[in-house]
Full PDB file with SEQRES, HELIX, SHEET, SSBOND, CRYST1, ORIGX, SCALE, CONECT and MASTER records, all heavy atoms in Angstrom:
SEQRES   1 A   32  ALA ILE LEU TYR GLY LYS PHE HIS ALA ALA PHE TYR LEU          
SEQRES   2 A   32  VAL PHE ALA ALA GLY LEU THR ASP GLY ILE ASP GLY LEU          
SEQRES   3 A   32  LEU ALA ARG LYS LEU GLY                                      
HELIX    1 AA1 PHE A    7  LYS A   30  1                                  24    
CRYST1    1.000    1.000    1.000  90.00  90.00  90.00 P 1           1          
ORIGX1      1.000000  0.000000  0.000000        0.00000                         
ORIGX2      0.000000  1.000000  0.000000        0.00000                         
ORIGX3      0.000000  0.000000  1.000000        0.00000                         
SCALE1      1.000000  0.000000  0.000000        0.00000                         
SCALE2      0.000000  1.000000  0.000000        0.00000                         
SCALE3      0.000000  0.000000  1.000000        0.00000                         
ATOM      1  N   ALA A   1     102.630  63.812  77.470  1.00  0.00           N  
ATOM      2  CA  ALA A   1     102.768  63.535  78.901  1.00  0.00           C  
ATOM      3  C   ALA A   1     101.508  63.944  79.663  1.00  0.00           C  
ATOM      4  O   ALA A   1     101.039  63.223  80.558  1.00  0.00           O  
ATOM      5  CB  ALA A   1     103.993  64.259  79.462  1.00  0.00           C  
ATOM      6  N   ILE A   2     100.933  65.094  79.311  1.00  0.00           N  
ATOM      7  CA  ILE A   2      99.715  65.557  79.991  1.00  0.00           C  
ATOM      8  C   ILE A   2      98.530  64.656  79.655  1.00  0.00           C  
ATOM      9  O   ILE A   2      97.770  64.239  80.542  1.00  0.00           O  
ATOM     10  CB  ILE A   2      99.417  67.022  79.610  1.00  0.00           C  
ATOM     11  CG1 ILE A   2     100.493  67.947  80.183  1.00  0.00           C  
ATOM     12  CG2 ILE A   2      98.032  67.441  80.137  1.00  0.00           C  
ATOM     13  CD1 ILE A   2     100.368  69.394  79.736  1.00  0.00           C  
ATOM     14  N   LEU A   3      98.350  64.353  78.380  1.00  0.00           N  
ATOM     15  CA  LEU A   3      97.192  63.567  77.953  1.00  0.00           C  
ATOM     16  C   LEU A   3      97.231  62.146  78.515  1.00  0.00           C  
ATOM     17  O   LEU A   3      96.172  61.548  78.763  1.00  0.00           O  
ATOM     18  CB  LEU A   3      97.115  63.523  76.424  1.00  0.00           C  
ATOM     19  CG  LEU A   3      96.817  64.859  75.725  1.00  0.00           C  
ATOM     20  CD1 LEU A   3      96.773  64.679  74.221  1.00  0.00           C  
ATOM     21  CD2 LEU A   3      95.501  65.458  76.226  1.00  0.00           C  
ATOM     22  N   TYR A   4      98.425  61.602  78.719  1.00  0.00           N  
ATOM     23  CA  TYR A   4      98.547  60.248  79.260  1.00  0.00           C  
ATOM     24  C   TYR A   4      98.746  60.236  80.772  1.00  0.00           C  
ATOM     25  O   TYR A   4      99.062  59.201  81.355  1.00  0.00           O  
ATOM     26  CB  TYR A   4      99.701  59.509  78.570  1.00  0.00           C  
ATOM     27  CG  TYR A   4      99.342  59.025  77.181  1.00  0.00           C  
ATOM     28  CD1 TYR A   4      99.636  59.798  76.064  1.00  0.00           C  
ATOM     29  CD2 TYR A   4      98.685  57.810  76.989  1.00  0.00           C  
ATOM     30  CE1 TYR A   4      99.291  59.367  74.790  1.00  0.00           C  
ATOM     31  CE2 TYR A   4      98.347  57.365  75.723  1.00  0.00           C  
ATOM     32  CZ  TYR A   4      98.647  58.157  74.626  1.00  0.00           C  
ATOM     33  OH  TYR A   4      98.312  57.724  73.364  1.00  0.00           O  
ATOM     34  N   GLY A   5      98.571  61.391  81.409  1.00  0.00           N  
ATOM     35  CA  GLY A   5      98.619  61.451  82.867  1.00  0.00           C  
ATOM     36  C   GLY A   5     100.000  61.338  83.463  1.00  0.00           C  
ATOM     37  O   GLY A   5     100.137  61.080  84.661  1.00  0.00           O  
ATOM     38  N   LYS A   6     101.031  61.566  82.676  1.00  0.00           N  
ATOM     39  CA  LYS A   6     102.412  61.522  83.184  1.00  0.00           C  
ATOM     40  C   LYS A   6     102.793  62.926  83.661  1.00  0.00           C  
ATOM     41  O   LYS A   6     103.600  63.626  83.059  1.00  0.00           O  
ATOM     42  CB  LYS A   6     103.367  61.041  82.093  1.00  0.00           C  
ATOM     43  CG  LYS A   6     102.978  59.725  81.442  1.00  0.00           C  
ATOM     44  CD  LYS A   6     103.009  58.580  82.444  1.00  0.00           C  
ATOM     45  CE  LYS A   6     102.680  57.242  81.775  1.00  0.00           C  
ATOM     46  NZ  LYS A   6     102.669  56.111  82.732  1.00  0.00           N  
ATOM     47  N   PHE A   7     102.190  63.316  84.781  1.00  0.00           N  
ATOM     48  CA  PHE A   7     102.350  64.699  85.227  1.00  0.00           C  
ATOM     49  C   PHE A   7     103.759  64.995  85.742  1.00  0.00           C  
ATOM     50  O   PHE A   7     104.194  66.152  85.692  1.00  0.00           O  
ATOM     51  CB  PHE A   7     101.313  65.019  86.300  1.00  0.00           C  
ATOM     52  CG  PHE A   7      99.905  65.001  85.775  1.00  0.00           C  
ATOM     53  CD1 PHE A   7      98.991  64.050  86.213  1.00  0.00           C  
ATOM     54  CD2 PHE A   7      99.487  65.921  84.834  1.00  0.00           C  
ATOM     55  CE1 PHE A   7      97.696  64.023  85.722  1.00  0.00           C  
ATOM     56  CE2 PHE A   7      98.187  65.911  84.337  1.00  0.00           C  
ATOM     57  CZ  PHE A   7      97.294  64.955  84.780  1.00  0.00           C  
ATOM     58  N   HIS A   8     104.468  63.960  86.241  1.00  0.00           N  
ATOM     59  CA  HIS A   8     105.866  64.166  86.642  1.00  0.00           C  
ATOM     60  C   HIS A   8     106.694  64.611  85.443  1.00  0.00           C  
ATOM     61  O   HIS A   8     107.416  65.613  85.488  1.00  0.00           O  
ATOM     62  CB  HIS A   8     106.453  62.880  87.234  1.00  0.00           C  
ATOM     63  CG  HIS A   8     106.134  62.681  88.682  1.00  0.00           C  
ATOM     64  ND1 HIS A   8     105.062  61.931  89.104  1.00  0.00           N  
ATOM     65  CD2 HIS A   8     106.746  63.155  89.812  1.00  0.00           C  
ATOM     66  CE1 HIS A   8     105.020  61.929  90.426  1.00  0.00           C  
ATOM     67  NE2 HIS A   8     106.028  62.670  90.880  1.00  0.00           N  
ATOM     68  N   ALA A   9     106.588  63.848  84.367  1.00  0.00           N  
ATOM     69  CA  ALA A   9     107.353  64.168  83.159  1.00  0.00           C  
ATOM     70  C   ALA A   9     106.931  65.519  82.589  1.00  0.00           C  
ATOM     71  O   ALA A   9     107.779  66.325  82.178  1.00  0.00           O  
ATOM     72  CB  ALA A   9     107.164  63.061  82.127  1.00  0.00           C  
ATOM     73  N   ALA A  10     105.625  65.770  82.574  1.00  0.00           N  
ATOM     74  CA  ALA A  10     105.131  67.042  82.036  1.00  0.00           C  
ATOM     75  C   ALA A  10     105.659  68.218  82.847  1.00  0.00           C  
ATOM     76  O   ALA A  10     106.047  69.252  82.283  1.00  0.00           O  
ATOM     77  CB  ALA A  10     103.600  67.045  82.018  1.00  0.00           C  
ATOM     78  N   PHE A  11     105.682  68.063  84.181  1.00  0.00           N  
ATOM     79  CA  PHE A  11     106.157  69.138  85.045  1.00  0.00           C  
ATOM     80  C   PHE A  11     107.616  69.471  84.741  1.00  0.00           C  
ATOM     81  O   PHE A  11     107.972  70.652  84.573  1.00  0.00           O  
ATOM     82  CB  PHE A  11     106.001  68.751  86.518  1.00  0.00           C  
ATOM     83  CG  PHE A  11     106.551  69.779  87.475  1.00  0.00           C  
ATOM     84  CD1 PHE A  11     105.787  70.881  87.841  1.00  0.00           C  
ATOM     85  CD2 PHE A  11     107.829  69.649  87.999  1.00  0.00           C  
ATOM     86  CE1 PHE A  11     106.288  71.836  88.713  1.00  0.00           C  
ATOM     87  CE2 PHE A  11     108.341  70.599  88.876  1.00  0.00           C  
ATOM     88  CZ  PHE A  11     107.565  71.696  89.237  1.00  0.00           C  
ATOM     89  N   TYR A  12     108.456  68.467  84.668  1.00  0.00           N  
ATOM     90  CA  TYR A  12     109.881  68.711  84.438  1.00  0.00           C  
ATOM     91  C   TYR A  12     110.132  69.264  83.034  1.00  0.00           C  
ATOM     92  O   TYR A  12     111.019  70.105  82.840  1.00  0.00           O  
ATOM     93  CB  TYR A  12     110.683  67.434  84.660  1.00  0.00           C  
ATOM     94  CG  TYR A  12     110.728  67.003  86.109  1.00  0.00           C  
ATOM     95  CD1 TYR A  12     110.253  65.764  86.511  1.00  0.00           C  
ATOM     96  CD2 TYR A  12     111.226  67.874  87.094  1.00  0.00           C  
ATOM     97  CE1 TYR A  12     110.270  65.383  87.845  1.00  0.00           C  
ATOM     98  CE2 TYR A  12     111.252  67.494  88.430  1.00  0.00           C  
ATOM     99  CZ  TYR A  12     110.776  66.252  88.800  1.00  0.00           C  
ATOM    100  OH  TYR A  12     110.793  65.881  90.120  1.00  0.00           O  
ATOM    101  N   LEU A  13     109.365  68.810  82.058  1.00  0.00           N  
ATOM    102  CA  LEU A  13     109.525  69.327  80.698  1.00  0.00           C  
ATOM    103  C   LEU A  13     109.124  70.802  80.610  1.00  0.00           C  
ATOM    104  O   LEU A  13     109.829  71.612  79.988  1.00  0.00           O  
ATOM    105  CB  LEU A  13     108.682  68.493  79.719  1.00  0.00           C  
ATOM    106  CG  LEU A  13     109.208  67.097  79.395  1.00  0.00           C  
ATOM    107  CD1 LEU A  13     108.189  66.323  78.572  1.00  0.00           C  
ATOM    108  CD2 LEU A  13     110.537  67.179  78.649  1.00  0.00           C  
ATOM    109  N   VAL A  14     107.998  71.154  81.237  1.00  0.00           N  
ATOM    110  CA  VAL A  14     107.559  72.551  81.225  1.00  0.00           C  
ATOM    111  C   VAL A  14     108.529  73.425  82.014  1.00  0.00           C  
ATOM    112  O   VAL A  14     108.844  74.553  81.610  1.00  0.00           O  
ATOM    113  CB  VAL A  14     106.132  72.680  81.790  1.00  0.00           C  
ATOM    114  CG1 VAL A  14     105.731  74.150  81.924  1.00  0.00           C  
ATOM    115  CG2 VAL A  14     105.142  71.959  80.897  1.00  0.00           C  
ATOM    116  N   PHE A  15     109.022  72.902  83.117  1.00  0.00           N  
ATOM    117  CA  PHE A  15     109.997  73.657  83.928  1.00  0.00           C  
ATOM    118  C   PHE A  15     111.271  73.902  83.123  1.00  0.00           C  
ATOM    119  O   PHE A  15     111.812  75.021  83.122  1.00  0.00           O  
ATOM    120  CB  PHE A  15     110.315  72.883  85.203  1.00  0.00           C  
ATOM    121  CG  PHE A  15     111.218  73.628  86.147  1.00  0.00           C  
ATOM    122  CD1 PHE A  15     110.707  74.641  86.949  1.00  0.00           C  
ATOM    123  CD2 PHE A  15     112.571  73.332  86.233  1.00  0.00           C  
ATOM    124  CE1 PHE A  15     111.532  75.348  87.820  1.00  0.00           C  
ATOM    125  CE2 PHE A  15     113.400  74.030  87.094  1.00  0.00           C  
ATOM    126  CZ  PHE A  15     112.877  75.038  87.894  1.00  0.00           C  
ATOM    127  N   ALA A  16     111.751  72.877  82.430  1.00  0.00           N  
ATOM    128  CA  ALA A  16     112.953  73.032  81.601  1.00  0.00           C  
ATOM    129  C   ALA A  16     112.698  74.017  80.465  1.00  0.00           C  
ATOM    130  O   ALA A  16     113.556  74.851  80.143  1.00  0.00           O  
ATOM    131  CB  ALA A  16     113.380  71.678  81.040  1.00  0.00           C  
ATOM    132  N   ALA A  17     111.513  73.943  79.861  1.00  0.00           N  
ATOM    133  CA  ALA A  17     111.178  74.868  78.771  1.00  0.00           C  
ATOM    134  C   ALA A  17     111.114  76.301  79.287  1.00  0.00           C  
ATOM    135  O   ALA A  17     111.530  77.239  78.601  1.00  0.00           O  
ATOM    136  CB  ALA A  17     109.850  74.471  78.141  1.00  0.00           C  
ATOM    137  N   GLY A  18     110.584  76.486  80.500  1.00  0.00           N  
ATOM    138  CA  GLY A  18     110.537  77.820  81.093  1.00  0.00           C  
ATOM    139  C   GLY A  18     111.930  78.385  81.342  1.00  0.00           C  
ATOM    140  O   GLY A  18     112.162  79.589  81.159  1.00  0.00           O  
ATOM    141  N   LEU A  19     112.875  77.511  81.730  1.00  0.00           N  
ATOM    142  CA  LEU A  19     114.252  77.962  81.931  1.00  0.00           C  
ATOM    143  C   LEU A  19     114.887  78.397  80.613  1.00  0.00           C  
ATOM    144  O   LEU A  19     115.604  79.404  80.561  1.00  0.00           O  
ATOM    145  CB  LEU A  19     115.090  76.847  82.567  1.00  0.00           C  
ATOM    146  CG  LEU A  19     114.793  76.512  84.033  1.00  0.00           C  
ATOM    147  CD1 LEU A  19     115.689  75.369  84.498  1.00  0.00           C  
ATOM    148  CD2 LEU A  19     114.990  77.737  84.926  1.00  0.00           C  
ATOM    149  N   THR A  20     114.625  77.652  79.547  1.00  0.00           N  
ATOM    150  CA  THR A  20     115.199  78.013  78.249  1.00  0.00           C  
ATOM    151  C   THR A  20     114.677  79.357  77.761  1.00  0.00           C  
ATOM    152  O   THR A  20     115.356  80.037  76.996  1.00  0.00           O  
ATOM    153  CB  THR A  20     114.893  76.941  77.187  1.00  0.00           C  
ATOM    154  OG1 THR A  20     113.473  76.880  76.948  1.00  0.00           O  
ATOM    155  CG2 THR A  20     115.380  75.577  77.626  1.00  0.00           C  
ATOM    156  N   ASP A  21     113.477  79.739  78.215  1.00  0.00           N  
ATOM    157  CA  ASP A  21     112.911  81.020  77.803  1.00  0.00           C  
ATOM    158  C   ASP A  21     113.759  82.179  78.306  1.00  0.00           C  
ATOM    159  O   ASP A  21     113.856  83.220  77.644  1.00  0.00           O  
ATOM    160  CB  ASP A  21     111.475  81.146  78.320  1.00  0.00           C  
ATOM    161  CG  ASP A  21     110.762  82.356  77.728  1.00  0.00           C  
ATOM    162  OD1 ASP A  21     111.173  82.802  76.641  1.00  0.00           O  
ATOM    163  OD2 ASP A  21     109.809  82.844  78.345  1.00  0.00           O  
ATOM    164  N   GLY A  22     114.364  82.004  79.473  1.00  0.00           N  
ATOM    165  CA  GLY A  22     115.249  83.040  79.981  1.00  0.00           C  
ATOM    166  C   GLY A  22     116.676  82.896  79.489  1.00  0.00           C  
ATOM    167  O   GLY A  22     117.371  83.892  79.257  1.00  0.00           O  
ATOM    168  N   ILE A  23     117.101  81.638  79.275  1.00  0.00           N  
ATOM    169  CA  ILE A  23     118.481  81.396  78.867  1.00  0.00           C  
ATOM    170  C   ILE A  23     118.744  81.902  77.454  1.00  0.00           C  
ATOM    171  O   ILE A  23     119.797  82.486  77.182  1.00  0.00           O  
ATOM    172  CB  ILE A  23     118.798  79.884  78.974  1.00  0.00           C  
ATOM    173  CG1 ILE A  23     118.797  79.460  80.443  1.00  0.00           C  
ATOM    174  CG2 ILE A  23     120.144  79.567  78.339  1.00  0.00           C  
ATOM    175  CD1 ILE A  23     118.954  77.968  80.652  1.00  0.00           C  
ATOM    176  N   ASP A  24     117.801  81.677  76.529  1.00  0.00           N  
ATOM    177  CA  ASP A  24     118.064  82.080  75.146  1.00  0.00           C  
ATOM    178  C   ASP A  24     118.216  83.591  75.010  1.00  0.00           C  
ATOM    179  O   ASP A  24     119.083  84.082  74.285  1.00  0.00           O  
ATOM    180  CB  ASP A  24     116.981  81.545  74.196  1.00  0.00           C  
ATOM    181  CG  ASP A  24     115.583  82.008  74.579  1.00  0.00           C  
ATOM    182  OD1 ASP A  24     115.441  82.808  75.522  1.00  0.00           O  
ATOM    183  OD2 ASP A  24     114.620  81.558  73.938  1.00  0.00           O  
ATOM    184  N   GLY A  25     117.397  84.346  75.743  1.00  0.00           N  
ATOM    185  CA  GLY A  25     117.532  85.802  75.696  1.00  0.00           C  
ATOM    186  C   GLY A  25     118.839  86.272  76.319  1.00  0.00           C  
ATOM    187  O   GLY A  25     119.489  87.199  75.812  1.00  0.00           O  
ATOM    188  N   LEU A  26     119.237  85.624  77.430  1.00  0.00           N  
ATOM    189  CA  LEU A  26     120.491  85.988  78.095  1.00  0.00           C  
ATOM    190  C   LEU A  26     121.689  85.705  77.193  1.00  0.00           C  
ATOM    191  O   LEU A  26     122.595  86.534  77.061  1.00  0.00           O  
ATOM    192  CB  LEU A  26     120.616  85.213  79.405  1.00  0.00           C  
ATOM    193  CG  LEU A  26     121.877  85.472  80.233  1.00  0.00           C  
ATOM    194  CD1 LEU A  26     121.917  86.930  80.688  1.00  0.00           C  
ATOM    195  CD2 LEU A  26     121.922  84.539  81.442  1.00  0.00           C  
ATOM    196  N   LEU A  27     121.672  84.535  76.542  1.00  0.00           N  
ATOM    197  CA  LEU A  27     122.778  84.188  75.645  1.00  0.00           C  
ATOM    198  C   LEU A  27     122.838  85.132  74.443  1.00  0.00           C  
ATOM    199  O   LEU A  27     123.921  85.504  73.990  1.00  0.00           O  
ATOM    200  CB  LEU A  27     122.628  82.742  75.160  1.00  0.00           C  
ATOM    201  CG  LEU A  27     122.969  81.640  76.167  1.00  0.00           C  
ATOM    202  CD1 LEU A  27     122.679  80.276  75.568  1.00  0.00           C  
ATOM    203  CD2 LEU A  27     124.443  81.736  76.571  1.00  0.00           C  
ATOM    204  N   ALA A  28     121.666  85.499  73.929  1.00  0.00           N  
ATOM    205  CA  ALA A  28     121.641  86.399  72.775  1.00  0.00           C  
ATOM    206  C   ALA A  28     122.310  87.729  73.106  1.00  0.00           C  
ATOM    207  O   ALA A  28     123.040  88.292  72.286  1.00  0.00           O  
ATOM    208  CB  ALA A  28     120.201  86.618  72.323  1.00  0.00           C  
ATOM    209  N   ARG A  29     122.068  88.231  74.322  1.00  0.00           N  
ATOM    210  CA  ARG A  29     122.686  89.500  74.725  1.00  0.00           C  
ATOM    211  C   ARG A  29     124.169  89.337  75.028  1.00  0.00           C  
ATOM    212  O   ARG A  29     124.978  90.178  74.640  1.00  0.00           O  
ATOM    213  CB  ARG A  29     121.948  90.080  75.939  1.00  0.00           C  
ATOM    214  CG  ARG A  29     120.539  90.576  75.620  1.00  0.00           C  
ATOM    215  CD  ARG A  29     119.928  91.294  76.806  1.00  0.00           C  
ATOM    216  NE  ARG A  29     119.694  90.396  77.931  1.00  0.00           N  
ATOM    217  CZ  ARG A  29     118.581  89.699  78.120  1.00  0.00           C  
ATOM    218  NH1 ARG A  29     117.589  89.798  77.240  1.00  0.00           N  
ATOM    219  NH2 ARG A  29     118.436  88.913  79.153  1.00  0.00           N  
ATOM    220  N   LYS A  30     124.528  88.264  75.720  1.00  0.00           N  
ATOM    221  CA  LYS A  30     125.920  88.055  76.116  1.00  0.00           C  
ATOM    222  C   LYS A  30     126.818  87.757  74.923  1.00  0.00           C  
ATOM    223  O   LYS A  30     127.969  88.206  74.859  1.00  0.00           O  
ATOM    224  CB  LYS A  30     126.015  86.910  77.139  1.00  0.00           C  
ATOM    225  CG  LYS A  30     125.387  87.213  78.487  1.00  0.00           C  
ATOM    226  CD  LYS A  30     126.160  88.276  79.238  1.00  0.00           C  
ATOM    227  CE  LYS A  30     125.588  88.493  80.641  1.00  0.00           C  
ATOM    228  NZ  LYS A  30     126.341  89.562  81.374  1.00  0.00           N  
ATOM    229  N   LEU A  31     126.311  86.976  73.969  1.00  0.00           N  
ATOM    230  CA  LEU A  31     127.112  86.559  72.814  1.00  0.00           C  
ATOM    231  C   LEU A  31     126.932  87.472  71.606  1.00  0.00           C  
ATOM    232  O   LEU A  31     127.504  87.214  70.552  1.00  0.00           O  
ATOM    233  CB  LEU A  31     126.754  85.118  72.424  1.00  0.00           C  
ATOM    234  CG  LEU A  31     126.946  84.054  73.507  1.00  0.00           C  
ATOM    235  CD1 LEU A  31     126.511  82.687  72.996  1.00  0.00           C  
ATOM    236  CD2 LEU A  31     128.415  84.012  73.952  1.00  0.00           C  
ATOM    237  N   GLY A  32     126.144  88.516  71.759  1.00  0.00           N  
ATOM    238  CA  GLY A  32     125.901  89.400  70.635  1.00  0.00           C  
ATOM    239  C   GLY A  32     125.156  88.711  69.507  1.00  0.00           C  
ATOM    240  O   GLY A  32     125.419  88.980  68.326  1.00  0.00           O  
TER     241      GLY A  32                                                      
MASTER        0    0    0    1    0    0    0    6  240    1    0    3          
END                                                                             
């Protein structure tokens, strides 16, 4: 997406990936 200039798609993908960075740790603690 970045190399082909699709910055809208790249932005949303990076934003979603950033959210998963917090979600996976939270789930690991909550679910043991």
